[in-house]
Amino acid sequence: QWQLVESGGGLVQPGGSLRLSCTASGFTLDFYAIGWFRQAPGKEREGVSCISSSGGTTNYADSVKGRFTISRDSAKDTVYLQMDSLKPEDTGVYYCAAVMFKCSSSLSRSEYDYWGQGTQVTVSS
């Protein structure tokens, strides 16, 4: 069964950092671009960042530019989202999603074929 699994969420104070991980079960991430999305209570799911299968292209939402960094480690078959200088408005459930090879700067949910179950991130003092 093909499945994406997120980990690394938790409770952090404003200004703190978290690193999320996305791994796959049943397939390899080698040929997939990976996107990170988040959904706050009462809001629509929004794109945060994505990285191409080669790692050569990355895209970020304006709200996280300069604070979040997406990367991938092919040896570990894992994609990371390093989140620094976290703000309360970053709170939400974070999902990773996969699409073959490339992802667009639009960070549109409709482009992605596979989704994880999500991991909760709460930024609060």
Protein backbone atom coordinates (compact mmCIF):
# COMPACT_ATOMS: atom_id res chain seq x y z
CA GLN A 1 0.00 0.00 0.00
CA TRP A 2 1.43 3.34 -1.06
CA GLN A 3 1.51 5.76 1.81
CA LEU A 4 3.22 8.99 2.83
CA VAL A 5 4.05 9.47 6.50
CA GLU A 6 4.76 12.79 8.20
CA SER A 7 6.54 13.18 11.51
CA GLY A 8 8.17 15.85 13.64
CA GLY A 9 5.21 17.97 14.62
CA GLY A 10 4.65 19.23 18.12
CA LEU A 11 4.20 22.22 20.39
CA VAL A 12 6.75 25.02 20.14
CA GLN A 13 6.96 28.57 21.42
CA PRO A 14 6.91 31.54 19.04
CA GLY A 15 10.34 32.06 17.57
CA GLY A 16 11.19 28.39 17.93
CA SER A 17 11.99 25.73 15.35
CA LEU A 18 10.71 22.36 14.21
CA ARG A 19 11.78 19.99 11.49
CA LEU A 20 9.14 17.92 9.75
CA SER A 21 9.95 14.73 7.87
CA CYS A 22 8.10 12.99 5.06
CA THR A 23 8.82 9.39 4.19
CA ALA A 24 7.12 6.83 1.98
CA SER A 25 5.84 3.34 2.56
CA GLY A 26 5.46 0.99 -0.39
CA PHE A 27 7.30 3.20 -2.89
CA THR A 28 10.35 5.41 -3.18
CA LEU A 29 10.30 9.18 -3.28
CA ASP A 30 13.09 9.28 -5.88
CA PHE A 31 10.81 10.14 -8.81
CA TYR A 32 8.43 12.39 -6.95
CA ALA A 33 8.27 16.05 -6.23
CA ILE A 34 7.09 16.61 -2.69
CA GLY A 35 4.93 19.41 -1.43
CA TRP A 36 4.14 20.52 2.09
CA PHE A 37 0.69 21.88 2.85
CA ARG A 38 -0.96 23.04 6.05
CA GLN A 39 -4.49 23.48 7.28
CA ALA A 40 -5.47 25.66 10.20
CA PRO A 41 -8.82 25.16 11.97
CA GLY A 42 -11.62 26.61 9.90
CA LYS A 43 -9.37 27.38 6.95
CA GLU A 44 -8.62 25.76 3.64
CA ARG A 45 -5.52 23.70 3.11
CA GLU A 46 -2.76 25.89 1.69
CA GLY A 47 0.54 25.17 0.00
CA VAL A 48 3.68 25.94 1.98
CA SER A 49 6.57 24.65 -0.08
CA CYS A 50 7.61 22.05 -2.62
CA ILE A 51 10.76 20.47 -3.99
CA SER A 52 11.32 18.74 -7.31
CA SER A 53 12.38 15.11 -7.55
CA SER A 54 15.96 16.14 -8.29
CA GLY A 55 15.99 18.69 -5.49
CA GLY A 56 17.03 21.34 -7.97
CA THR A 57 13.86 23.40 -7.75
CA THR A 58 12.15 24.63 -4.62
CA ASN A 59 9.13 26.88 -4.17
CA TYR A 60 7.79 28.66 -1.11
CA ALA A 61 4.65 30.50 -0.15
CA ASP A 62 5.31 34.17 0.54
CA SER A 63 4.23 33.70 4.15
CA VAL A 64 7.13 31.33 4.89
CA LYS A 65 9.93 32.61 2.65
CA GLY A 66 13.10 33.19 4.61
CA ARG A 67 11.83 31.13 7.55
CA PHE A 68 11.18 27.65 6.14
CA THR A 69 13.59 25.48 4.17
CA ILE A 70 12.64 22.37 2.22
CA SER A 71 15.24 19.73 1.41
CA ARG A 72 15.54 16.08 0.55
CA ASP A 73 17.95 13.28 1.38
CA SER A 74 17.83 10.59 -1.29
CA ALA A 75 19.92 8.18 0.79
CA LYS A 76 17.28 8.30 3.51
CA ASP A 77 14.41 8.67 1.04
CA THR A 78 13.12 11.53 3.13
CA VAL A 79 11.99 15.09 2.53
CA TYR A 80 12.35 17.65 5.29
CA LEU A 81 10.72 20.95 6.11
CA GLN A 82 12.88 22.99 8.47
CA MET A 83 10.71 25.61 10.12
CA ASP A 84 12.43 28.47 11.94
CA SER A 85 11.17 31.68 13.53
CA LEU A 86 7.78 30.07 13.96
CA LYS A 87 4.75 32.25 14.49
CA PRO A 88 1.33 31.44 15.99
CA GLU A 89 -0.16 31.72 12.51
CA ASP A 90 1.96 28.75 11.43
CA THR A 91 -0.22 26.53 13.60
CA GLY A 92 -2.05 23.78 11.77
CA VAL A 93 -1.91 20.24 10.51
CA TYR A 94 0.95 19.82 8.08
CA TYR A 95 0.67 17.36 5.22
CA CYS A 96 3.17 16.14 2.67
CA ALA A 97 2.03 15.19 -0.82
CA ALA A 98 3.66 13.67 -3.89
CA VAL A 99 3.49 14.28 -7.63
CA MET A 100 5.76 12.89 -10.34
CA PHE A 101 9.00 14.83 -10.93
CA LYS A 102 8.05 18.50 -10.81
CA CYS A 103 5.98 20.86 -8.72
CA SER A 104 4.80 24.31 -9.65
CA SER A 105 5.19 27.59 -7.83
CA SER A 106 1.41 27.78 -7.54
CA LEU A 107 1.52 25.09 -4.81
CA SER A 108 -1.90 23.89 -5.90
CA ARG A 109 -3.40 20.93 -4.05
CA SER A 110 -4.95 19.59 -7.23
CA GLU A 111 -1.54 18.78 -8.73
CA TYR A 112 -0.70 16.14 -6.14
CA ASP A 113 -1.60 12.47 -6.32
CA TYR A 114 -0.64 11.05 -2.92
CA TRP A 115 -1.14 12.49 0.54
CA GLY A 116 -0.06 11.71 4.07
CA GLN A 117 -2.26 11.79 7.16
CA GLY A 118 -0.70 14.93 8.58
CA THR A 119 1.18 16.00 11.68
CA GLN A 120 0.05 18.71 14.10
CA VAL A 121 2.17 21.82 14.59
CA THR A 122 1.17 24.20 17.36
CA VAL A 123 2.98 27.47 17.94
CA SER A 124 1.96 28.96 21.24
CA SER A 125 3.43 30.44 24.38
